[in-house]
N, C-alpha and C. Protein backbone atom coordinates (compact mmCIF):
# COMPACT_ATOMS: atom_id res chain seq x y z
N UNK A 1 -6.60 -11.12 -27.30
CA UNK A 1 -6.11 -11.95 -26.22
C UNK A 1 -7.29 -12.32 -25.33
N UNK A 2 -7.52 -13.61 -25.10
CA UNK A 2 -8.61 -14.01 -24.20
C UNK A 2 -8.26 -13.68 -22.76
N UNK A 3 -9.26 -13.30 -21.99
CA UNK A 3 -9.07 -12.97 -20.58
C UNK A 3 -9.08 -14.27 -19.77
N UNK A 4 -8.06 -14.46 -18.96
CA UNK A 4 -7.96 -15.63 -18.11
C UNK A 4 -8.54 -15.26 -16.74
N UNK A 5 -9.65 -15.87 -16.32
CA UNK A 5 -10.27 -15.50 -15.04
C UNK A 5 -9.44 -15.92 -13.83
N UNK A 6 -8.44 -16.79 -14.02
CA UNK A 6 -7.62 -17.24 -12.91
C UNK A 6 -6.36 -16.42 -12.71
N UNK A 7 -6.22 -15.35 -13.46
CA UNK A 7 -5.06 -14.47 -13.33
C UNK A 7 -5.57 -13.05 -13.15
N UNK A 8 -4.76 -12.22 -12.56
CA UNK A 8 -5.13 -10.81 -12.51
C UNK A 8 -4.10 -10.03 -13.31
N UNK A 9 -4.55 -8.91 -13.82
CA UNK A 9 -3.72 -8.11 -14.69
C UNK A 9 -3.34 -6.85 -13.94
N UNK A 10 -2.05 -6.57 -13.87
CA UNK A 10 -1.57 -5.44 -13.09
C UNK A 10 -1.06 -4.37 -14.03
N UNK A 11 -1.53 -3.16 -13.82
CA UNK A 11 -1.12 -2.01 -14.60
C UNK A 11 -0.66 -0.96 -13.61
N UNK A 12 0.39 -0.23 -13.93
CA UNK A 12 0.89 0.78 -13.01
C UNK A 12 -0.10 1.92 -12.86
N UNK A 13 0.16 2.80 -11.89
CA UNK A 13 -0.74 3.91 -11.62
C UNK A 13 -0.87 4.87 -12.79
N UNK A 14 0.15 4.94 -13.63
CA UNK A 14 0.10 5.85 -14.78
C UNK A 14 -0.52 5.21 -16.01
N UNK A 15 -0.99 3.97 -15.90
CA UNK A 15 -1.60 3.30 -17.03
C UNK A 15 -0.59 2.58 -17.90
N UNK A 16 0.69 2.66 -17.54
CA UNK A 16 1.73 1.96 -18.28
C UNK A 16 1.92 0.61 -17.63
N UNK A 17 2.01 -0.47 -18.40
CA UNK A 17 2.17 -1.78 -17.77
C UNK A 17 3.37 -1.82 -16.85
N UNK A 18 3.20 -2.45 -15.71
CA UNK A 18 4.25 -2.58 -14.70
C UNK A 18 4.99 -3.88 -14.96
N UNK A 19 6.27 -3.82 -15.28
CA UNK A 19 7.04 -4.99 -15.65
C UNK A 19 7.90 -5.49 -14.50
N UNK A 20 7.28 -5.91 -13.41
CA UNK A 20 8.04 -6.38 -12.26
C UNK A 20 8.46 -7.84 -12.43
N UNK A 21 7.69 -8.59 -13.19
CA UNK A 21 7.98 -10.01 -13.36
C UNK A 21 8.87 -10.27 -14.56
N UNK A 22 8.99 -11.53 -14.89
CA UNK A 22 9.77 -11.90 -16.06
C UNK A 22 9.03 -11.51 -17.33
N UNK A 23 9.76 -11.29 -18.38
CA UNK A 23 9.14 -10.92 -19.65
C UNK A 23 8.22 -12.01 -20.18
N UNK A 24 8.45 -13.26 -19.77
CA UNK A 24 7.59 -14.34 -20.25
C UNK A 24 6.16 -14.20 -19.72
N UNK A 25 5.98 -13.37 -18.70
CA UNK A 25 4.65 -13.14 -18.15
C UNK A 25 3.88 -12.09 -18.94
N UNK A 26 4.49 -11.53 -19.97
CA UNK A 26 3.89 -10.45 -20.73
C UNK A 26 3.04 -10.99 -21.87
N UNK A 27 1.82 -10.48 -21.97
CA UNK A 27 0.96 -10.79 -23.10
C UNK A 27 0.36 -9.48 -23.59
N UNK A 28 0.73 -9.06 -24.78
CA UNK A 28 0.24 -7.81 -25.37
C UNK A 28 0.44 -6.61 -24.46
N UNK A 29 1.59 -6.54 -23.78
CA UNK A 29 1.91 -5.39 -22.94
C UNK A 29 1.31 -5.42 -21.56
N UNK A 30 0.60 -6.50 -21.20
CA UNK A 30 -0.02 -6.60 -19.89
C UNK A 30 0.65 -7.75 -19.15
N UNK A 31 1.08 -7.49 -17.94
CA UNK A 31 1.75 -8.52 -17.15
C UNK A 31 0.71 -9.44 -16.54
N UNK A 32 0.90 -10.72 -16.70
CA UNK A 32 0.03 -11.71 -16.08
C UNK A 32 0.70 -12.10 -14.78
N UNK A 33 0.08 -11.81 -13.66
CA UNK A 33 0.66 -12.10 -12.36
C UNK A 33 -0.08 -13.27 -11.73
N UNK A 34 0.50 -13.83 -10.70
CA UNK A 34 -0.14 -14.93 -9.98
C UNK A 34 -1.42 -14.43 -9.33
N UNK A 35 -2.43 -15.28 -9.26
CA UNK A 35 -3.66 -14.86 -8.58
C UNK A 35 -3.40 -14.68 -7.09
N UNK A 36 -4.27 -13.92 -6.43
CA UNK A 36 -4.11 -13.67 -5.00
C UNK A 36 -4.11 -14.98 -4.22
N UNK A 37 -4.97 -15.88 -4.59
CA UNK A 37 -5.02 -17.18 -3.94
C UNK A 37 -4.31 -18.15 -4.85
N UNK A 38 -3.12 -18.56 -4.47
CA UNK A 38 -2.31 -19.43 -5.31
C UNK A 38 -2.37 -20.87 -4.79
N UNK A 39 -2.43 -21.81 -5.71
CA UNK A 39 -2.44 -23.23 -5.35
C UNK A 39 -1.09 -23.61 -4.78
N UNK A 40 -1.07 -24.29 -3.67
CA UNK A 40 0.18 -24.67 -3.02
C UNK A 40 0.23 -26.20 -2.88
N UNK A 41 0.50 -26.90 -3.96
CA UNK A 41 0.63 -28.36 -4.01
C UNK A 41 -0.51 -29.04 -3.29
N UNK A 42 -0.20 -29.88 -2.31
CA UNK A 42 -1.22 -30.68 -1.63
C UNK A 42 -1.84 -29.98 -0.43
N UNK A 43 -1.42 -28.77 -0.16
CA UNK A 43 -1.91 -28.09 1.04
C UNK A 43 -3.11 -27.19 0.78
N UNK A 44 -3.67 -27.22 -0.38
CA UNK A 44 -4.83 -26.39 -0.68
C UNK A 44 -4.42 -24.98 -1.09
N UNK A 45 -5.26 -24.02 -0.73
CA UNK A 45 -5.02 -22.65 -1.14
C UNK A 45 -4.42 -21.85 0.01
N UNK A 46 -3.48 -20.98 -0.33
CA UNK A 46 -2.88 -20.10 0.67
C UNK A 46 -2.97 -18.66 0.19
N UNK A 47 -3.14 -17.77 1.13
CA UNK A 47 -3.21 -16.35 0.80
C UNK A 47 -1.82 -15.82 0.48
N UNK A 48 -1.76 -14.81 -0.35
CA UNK A 48 -0.48 -14.20 -0.70
C UNK A 48 0.15 -13.54 0.52
N UNK A 49 1.41 -13.16 0.40
CA UNK A 49 2.15 -12.55 1.51
C UNK A 49 1.58 -11.20 1.91
N UNK A 50 1.90 -10.83 3.13
CA UNK A 50 1.56 -9.50 3.61
C UNK A 50 2.85 -8.75 3.89
N UNK A 51 2.79 -7.44 3.74
CA UNK A 51 3.94 -6.57 3.97
C UNK A 51 3.52 -5.51 4.98
N UNK A 52 4.48 -5.10 5.80
CA UNK A 52 4.17 -4.20 6.90
C UNK A 52 5.11 -2.99 6.88
N UNK A 53 4.53 -1.83 7.07
CA UNK A 53 5.31 -0.62 7.32
C UNK A 53 5.14 -0.35 8.81
N UNK A 54 6.25 -0.15 9.50
CA UNK A 54 6.15 0.00 10.95
C UNK A 54 6.99 1.17 11.44
N UNK A 55 6.57 1.67 12.60
CA UNK A 55 7.33 2.72 13.29
C UNK A 55 7.64 2.17 14.68
N UNK A 56 8.93 2.25 15.03
CA UNK A 56 9.38 1.81 16.35
C UNK A 56 10.08 2.96 17.04
N UNK A 57 10.18 2.87 18.35
CA UNK A 57 10.82 3.93 19.13
C UNK A 57 11.56 3.33 20.32
N UNK A 58 12.24 4.17 21.08
CA UNK A 58 12.94 3.72 22.28
C UNK A 58 12.02 3.89 23.50
N UNK A 59 12.51 3.56 24.68
CA UNK A 59 11.64 3.59 25.87
C UNK A 59 11.17 5.00 26.22
N UNK A 60 11.93 6.03 25.86
CA UNK A 60 11.55 7.41 26.16
C UNK A 60 10.79 8.08 25.01
N UNK A 61 10.56 7.36 23.93
CA UNK A 61 9.85 7.87 22.75
C UNK A 61 10.55 9.08 22.12
N UNK A 62 11.86 9.11 22.21
CA UNK A 62 12.60 10.26 21.67
C UNK A 62 13.13 10.04 20.26
N UNK A 63 13.26 8.79 19.83
CA UNK A 63 13.80 8.47 18.51
C UNK A 63 12.77 7.63 17.76
N UNK A 64 12.50 7.95 16.49
CA UNK A 64 11.57 7.17 15.69
C UNK A 64 12.32 6.46 14.57
N UNK A 65 11.95 5.21 14.32
CA UNK A 65 12.53 4.42 13.24
C UNK A 65 11.38 3.90 12.38
N UNK A 66 11.46 4.11 11.09
CA UNK A 66 10.44 3.63 10.15
C UNK A 66 11.06 2.56 9.27
N UNK A 67 10.36 1.45 9.10
CA UNK A 67 10.87 0.36 8.28
C UNK A 67 9.76 -0.40 7.59
N UNK A 68 10.16 -1.33 6.71
CA UNK A 68 9.21 -2.18 5.99
C UNK A 68 9.72 -3.62 6.09
N UNK A 69 8.79 -4.56 6.20
CA UNK A 69 9.16 -5.98 6.33
C UNK A 69 8.00 -6.85 5.86
N UNK A 70 8.29 -8.14 5.63
CA UNK A 70 7.22 -9.08 5.30
C UNK A 70 6.88 -9.98 6.49
N UNK A 71 7.57 -9.81 7.61
CA UNK A 71 7.30 -10.57 8.82
C UNK A 71 7.51 -9.64 10.03
N UNK A 72 6.45 -8.98 10.42
CA UNK A 72 6.56 -7.93 11.44
C UNK A 72 6.98 -8.48 12.80
N UNK A 73 6.44 -9.60 13.19
CA UNK A 73 6.78 -10.15 14.50
C UNK A 73 8.27 -10.50 14.57
N UNK A 74 8.78 -11.14 13.52
CA UNK A 74 10.21 -11.50 13.48
C UNK A 74 11.08 -10.26 13.49
N UNK A 75 10.71 -9.27 12.70
CA UNK A 75 11.53 -8.06 12.58
C UNK A 75 11.54 -7.28 13.90
N UNK A 76 10.38 -7.14 14.54
CA UNK A 76 10.32 -6.44 15.83
C UNK A 76 11.15 -7.18 16.87
N UNK A 77 11.10 -8.51 16.84
CA UNK A 77 11.91 -9.30 17.77
C UNK A 77 13.40 -9.05 17.54
N UNK A 78 13.81 -9.00 16.28
CA UNK A 78 15.22 -8.74 15.96
C UNK A 78 15.67 -7.40 16.52
N UNK A 79 14.82 -6.40 16.42
CA UNK A 79 15.16 -5.08 16.96
C UNK A 79 15.20 -5.10 18.48
N UNK A 80 14.22 -5.75 19.10
CA UNK A 80 14.16 -5.80 20.57
C UNK A 80 15.39 -6.50 21.16
N UNK A 81 15.80 -7.57 20.52
CA UNK A 81 16.93 -8.35 21.03
C UNK A 81 18.28 -7.86 20.49
N UNK A 82 18.25 -6.79 19.71
CA UNK A 82 19.46 -6.19 19.14
C UNK A 82 20.29 -7.19 18.34
N UNK A 83 19.59 -8.01 17.54
CA UNK A 83 20.24 -9.02 16.72
C UNK A 83 20.83 -8.42 15.44
N UNK A 84 20.39 -7.21 15.11
CA UNK A 84 20.87 -6.54 13.90
C UNK A 84 21.52 -5.24 14.31
N UNK A 85 22.74 -5.05 13.86
CA UNK A 85 23.45 -3.82 14.18
C UNK A 85 22.91 -2.64 13.39
N UNK A 86 23.33 -1.47 13.74
CA UNK A 86 22.93 -0.28 13.01
C UNK A 86 22.15 0.69 13.88
N UNK A 87 21.30 1.45 13.23
CA UNK A 87 20.54 2.53 13.87
C UNK A 87 19.73 2.03 15.07
N UNK A 88 18.98 0.94 14.87
CA UNK A 88 18.09 0.48 15.95
C UNK A 88 18.87 -0.03 17.16
N UNK A 89 20.02 -0.62 16.92
CA UNK A 89 20.85 -1.09 18.04
C UNK A 89 21.50 0.09 18.75
N UNK A 90 22.00 1.04 17.96
CA UNK A 90 22.69 2.21 18.53
C UNK A 90 21.77 3.05 19.41
N UNK A 91 20.52 3.23 18.97
CA UNK A 91 19.59 4.10 19.69
C UNK A 91 18.56 3.33 20.52
N UNK A 92 18.80 2.04 20.76
CA UNK A 92 17.93 1.22 21.61
C UNK A 92 16.46 1.26 21.19
N UNK A 93 16.23 1.09 19.90
CA UNK A 93 14.86 1.05 19.37
C UNK A 93 14.29 -0.33 19.69
N UNK A 94 13.27 -0.38 20.53
CA UNK A 94 12.75 -1.68 20.94
C UNK A 94 11.24 -1.72 21.16
N UNK A 95 10.52 -0.66 20.80
CA UNK A 95 9.08 -0.61 21.05
C UNK A 95 8.32 -0.34 19.75
N UNK A 96 7.49 -1.28 19.36
CA UNK A 96 6.65 -1.13 18.16
C UNK A 96 5.43 -0.30 18.52
N UNK A 97 5.28 0.87 17.90
CA UNK A 97 4.17 1.75 18.27
C UNK A 97 3.15 1.97 17.15
N UNK A 98 3.49 1.55 15.92
CA UNK A 98 2.58 1.77 14.80
C UNK A 98 2.93 0.82 13.67
N UNK A 99 1.91 0.32 12.97
CA UNK A 99 2.16 -0.44 11.75
C UNK A 99 0.95 -0.41 10.83
N UNK A 100 1.20 -0.61 9.55
CA UNK A 100 0.17 -0.72 8.52
C UNK A 100 0.43 -2.00 7.75
N UNK A 101 -0.63 -2.63 7.24
CA UNK A 101 -0.52 -3.89 6.51
C UNK A 101 -0.84 -3.65 5.04
N UNK A 102 -0.04 -4.27 4.15
CA UNK A 102 -0.24 -4.17 2.71
C UNK A 102 -0.16 -5.56 2.09
N UNK A 103 -0.83 -5.75 0.98
CA UNK A 103 -0.75 -7.01 0.25
C UNK A 103 0.23 -6.93 -0.92
N UNK A 104 0.74 -5.75 -1.19
CA UNK A 104 1.65 -5.56 -2.31
C UNK A 104 2.91 -4.86 -1.81
N UNK A 105 4.07 -5.44 -2.09
CA UNK A 105 5.34 -4.87 -1.62
C UNK A 105 5.57 -3.48 -2.18
N UNK A 106 5.16 -3.24 -3.41
CA UNK A 106 5.36 -1.93 -4.04
C UNK A 106 4.68 -0.83 -3.23
N UNK A 107 3.44 -1.08 -2.82
CA UNK A 107 2.71 -0.07 -2.06
C UNK A 107 3.29 0.09 -0.65
N UNK A 108 3.76 -0.99 -0.06
CA UNK A 108 4.38 -0.91 1.27
C UNK A 108 5.65 -0.07 1.22
N UNK A 109 6.49 -0.31 0.22
CA UNK A 109 7.73 0.45 0.08
C UNK A 109 7.44 1.92 -0.22
N UNK A 110 6.43 2.17 -1.05
CA UNK A 110 6.04 3.55 -1.35
C UNK A 110 5.58 4.27 -0.09
N UNK A 111 4.79 3.58 0.73
CA UNK A 111 4.30 4.18 1.98
C UNK A 111 5.46 4.44 2.94
N UNK A 112 6.41 3.50 3.02
CA UNK A 112 7.57 3.70 3.88
C UNK A 112 8.33 4.95 3.46
N UNK A 113 8.54 5.13 2.18
CA UNK A 113 9.26 6.31 1.68
C UNK A 113 8.49 7.58 2.00
N UNK A 114 7.16 7.50 1.88
CA UNK A 114 6.32 8.67 2.20
C UNK A 114 6.47 9.03 3.68
N UNK A 115 6.43 8.03 4.56
CA UNK A 115 6.57 8.29 6.00
C UNK A 115 7.96 8.80 6.34
N UNK A 116 8.99 8.20 5.75
CA UNK A 116 10.36 8.64 6.02
C UNK A 116 10.58 10.08 5.56
N UNK A 117 9.89 10.49 4.51
CA UNK A 117 10.03 11.85 3.99
C UNK A 117 9.23 12.87 4.77
N UNK A 118 8.31 12.40 5.62
CA UNK A 118 7.47 13.30 6.41
C UNK A 118 8.17 13.77 7.67
N UNK A 119 7.60 14.76 8.27
CA UNK A 119 8.19 15.33 9.49
C UNK A 119 7.91 14.43 10.70
N UNK A 120 8.65 14.65 11.74
CA UNK A 120 8.42 13.93 13.00
C UNK A 120 7.01 14.21 13.52
N UNK A 121 6.57 15.45 13.38
CA UNK A 121 5.25 15.84 13.86
C UNK A 121 4.16 15.01 13.17
N UNK A 122 4.30 14.76 11.88
CA UNK A 122 3.30 13.96 11.17
C UNK A 122 3.33 12.52 11.65
N UNK A 123 4.52 11.98 11.91
CA UNK A 123 4.63 10.60 12.41
C UNK A 123 4.02 10.50 13.81
N UNK A 124 4.27 11.47 14.65
CA UNK A 124 3.70 11.48 16.00
C UNK A 124 2.18 11.54 15.92
N UNK A 125 1.66 12.35 15.03
CA UNK A 125 0.21 12.43 14.84
C UNK A 125 -0.38 11.11 14.37
N UNK A 126 0.32 10.45 13.48
CA UNK A 126 -0.11 9.14 12.98
C UNK A 126 -0.14 8.11 14.11
N UNK A 127 0.91 8.09 14.92
CA UNK A 127 0.98 7.16 16.05
C UNK A 127 -0.13 7.47 17.05
N UNK A 128 -0.32 8.75 17.37
CA UNK A 128 -1.36 9.14 18.33
C UNK A 128 -2.76 8.80 17.85
N UNK A 129 -2.96 8.73 16.53
CA UNK A 129 -4.29 8.44 15.99
C UNK A 129 -4.74 7.02 16.31
N UNK A 130 -3.80 6.09 16.52
CA UNK A 130 -4.20 4.71 16.83
C UNK A 130 -3.62 4.19 18.15
N UNK A 131 -2.64 4.88 18.71
CA UNK A 131 -1.95 4.39 19.91
C UNK A 131 -1.56 5.57 20.80
N UNK A 132 -2.56 6.19 21.41
CA UNK A 132 -2.34 7.41 22.19
C UNK A 132 -1.36 7.21 23.35
N UNK A 133 -1.33 6.03 23.94
CA UNK A 133 -0.44 5.77 25.08
C UNK A 133 0.96 5.35 24.65
N UNK A 134 1.17 5.16 23.36
CA UNK A 134 2.45 4.71 22.81
C UNK A 134 2.87 3.39 23.45
N UNK A 135 1.90 2.51 23.66
CA UNK A 135 2.23 1.20 24.23
C UNK A 135 2.85 0.31 23.16
N UNK A 136 3.60 -0.69 23.59
CA UNK A 136 4.25 -1.62 22.68
C UNK A 136 3.22 -2.55 22.07
N UNK A 137 3.09 -2.55 20.75
CA UNK A 137 2.10 -3.37 20.06
C UNK A 137 2.62 -4.78 19.74
N UNK A 138 3.85 -5.04 20.08
CA UNK A 138 4.47 -6.33 19.76
C UNK A 138 3.68 -7.51 20.33
N UNK A 139 3.20 -7.40 21.56
CA UNK A 139 2.48 -8.50 22.20
C UNK A 139 1.12 -8.76 21.58
N UNK A 140 0.60 -7.81 20.81
CA UNK A 140 -0.71 -7.97 20.17
C UNK A 140 -0.62 -8.63 18.81
N UNK A 141 0.60 -8.86 18.32
CA UNK A 141 0.79 -9.46 17.00
C UNK A 141 0.43 -10.94 17.03
């Protein structure tokens, strides 16, 4: 199989091909994925999407919420304005105190699961490592 320089080849961490796309993208067991810089009709080149893992809290910093999204500003706004029911609305989660950026949704979701599985103490340590005052990072987005 000739190597196409305009495509990248994705293999899972265990060395087994990762079949996230359609089977038509498969060539000899290797998935051909879109390049990082994809042509977008007449608008030139655009960068691929970004994904965010974030931690939000309430005004007293007593409750922590961990989530993942592809539009952090929109998602934080939804929580602040209580546009979405559930945990964040019930516990008044409205302050963004920590986030990480990823270029691959798989890694963002994996990191979210890792953080959700960790203790509160580890999350507090993570927040303190970049935001000691626990100020709202929403305005810096």
